[in-house]
Amino acid sequence: DGKGMNPPPYTGQPMPTNNPVTVQTVYVQQPVVVFYDRPVQMCCPSCNQMI
């Protein structure tokens, strides 16, 4: 039981953990380009209101 249950969590953990990290890196890079290309309006309306 222990051996069978170990493989599933192991494969599930690395994948989800890697996915978020990769998505975050791309997300951070994309907003930077959009931020420079366009005002904060499209990036985050909340920031625009504060400014």
C-alpha atoms as a PDB file:
ATOM      1  CA  ASP A   1       0.000   0.000   0.000  1.00  0.00           C
ATOM      2  CA  GLY A   2       2.722   2.430   1.030  1.00  0.00           C
ATOM      3  CA  LYS A   3       4.680   1.835  -2.172  1.00  0.00           C
ATOM      4  CA  GLY A   4       1.594   2.212  -4.374  1.00  0.00           C
ATOM      5  CA  MET A   5       0.504   5.398  -2.633  1.00  0.00           C
ATOM      6  CA  ASN A   6       3.992   6.914  -2.782  1.00  0.00           C
ATOM      7  CA  PRO A   7       4.299   7.118  -6.606  1.00  0.00           C
ATOM      8  CA  PRO A   8       1.014   9.040  -7.172  1.00  0.00           C
ATOM      9  CA  PRO A   9       1.761  11.868  -4.683  1.00  0.00           C
ATOM     10  CA  TYR A  10       5.366  12.055  -5.866  1.00  0.00           C
ATOM     11  CA  THR A  11       4.331  12.593  -9.492  1.00  0.00           C
ATOM     12  CA  GLY A  12       1.520  14.961  -8.504  1.00  0.00           C
ATOM     13  CA  GLN A  13       3.642  17.148  -6.233  1.00  0.00           C
ATOM     14  CA  PRO A  14       6.534  17.909  -8.627  1.00  0.00           C
ATOM     15  CA  MET A  15       4.177  18.634 -11.536  1.00  0.00           C
ATOM     16  CA  PRO A  16       1.890  21.131  -9.691  1.00  0.00           C
ATOM     17  CA  THR A  17       4.860  22.766  -7.979  1.00  0.00           C
ATOM     18  CA  ASN A  18       6.713  23.151 -11.276  1.00  0.00           C
ATOM     19  CA  ASN A  19       3.632  24.400 -13.128  1.00  0.00           C
ATOM     20  CA  PRO A  20       2.926  27.335 -10.762  1.00  0.00           C
ATOM     21  CA  VAL A  21       6.588  28.360 -10.788  1.00  0.00           C
ATOM     22  CA  THR A  22       6.736  28.368 -14.581  1.00  0.00           C
ATOM     23  CA  VAL A  23       3.413  30.194 -14.855  1.00  0.00           C
ATOM     24  CA  GLN A  24       4.545  32.768 -12.296  1.00  0.00           C
ATOM     25  CA  THR A  25       7.781  33.447 -14.161  1.00  0.00           C
ATOM     26  CA  VAL A  26       5.913  33.914 -17.451  1.00  0.00           C
ATOM     27  CA  TYR A  27       3.220  35.962 -15.738  1.00  0.00           C
ATOM     28  CA  VAL A  28       5.796  38.276 -14.157  1.00  0.00           C
ATOM     29  CA  GLN A  29       7.613  38.693 -17.468  1.00  0.00           C
ATOM     30  CA  GLN A  30       4.427  39.334 -19.472  1.00  0.00           C
ATOM     31  CA  PRO A  31       3.036  42.048 -17.146  1.00  0.00           C
ATOM     32  CA  VAL A  32       6.394  43.833 -17.305  1.00  0.00           C
ATOM     33  CA  VAL A  33       6.146  44.062 -21.101  1.00  0.00           C
ATOM     34  CA  VAL A  34       2.469  45.051 -20.962  1.00  0.00           C
ATOM     35  CA  PHE A  35       3.238  47.573 -18.237  1.00  0.00           C
ATOM     36  CA  TYR A  36       5.834  49.270 -20.442  1.00  0.00           C
ATOM     37  CA  ASP A  37       3.668  48.989 -23.565  1.00  0.00           C
ATOM     38  CA  ARG A  38       0.425  50.113 -21.900  1.00  0.00           C
ATOM     39  CA  PRO A  39      -0.500  52.048 -18.734  1.00  0.00           C
ATOM     40  CA  VAL A  40      -1.424  50.349 -15.476  1.00  0.00           C
ATOM     41  CA  GLN A  41      -5.061  50.507 -16.625  1.00  0.00           C
ATOM     42  CA  MET A  42      -4.849  47.076 -18.286  1.00  0.00           C
ATOM     43  CA  CYS A  43      -2.349  45.696 -15.736  1.00  0.00           C
ATOM     44  CA  CYS A  44      -4.379  46.524 -12.600  1.00  0.00           C
ATOM     45  CA  PRO A  45      -7.207  49.098 -12.530  1.00  0.00           C
ATOM     46  CA  SER A  46      -6.801  49.343  -8.755  1.00  0.00           C
ATOM     47  CA  CYS A  47      -3.293  50.788  -9.155  1.00  0.00           C
ATOM     48  CA  ASN A  48      -4.537  53.282 -11.735  1.00  0.00           C
ATOM     49  CA  GLN A  49      -7.194  54.569  -9.328  1.00  0.00           C
ATOM     50  CA  MET A  50      -4.650  54.939  -6.533  1.00  0.00           C
ATOM     51  CA  ILE A  51      -2.325  56.892  -8.826  1.00  0.00           C
END
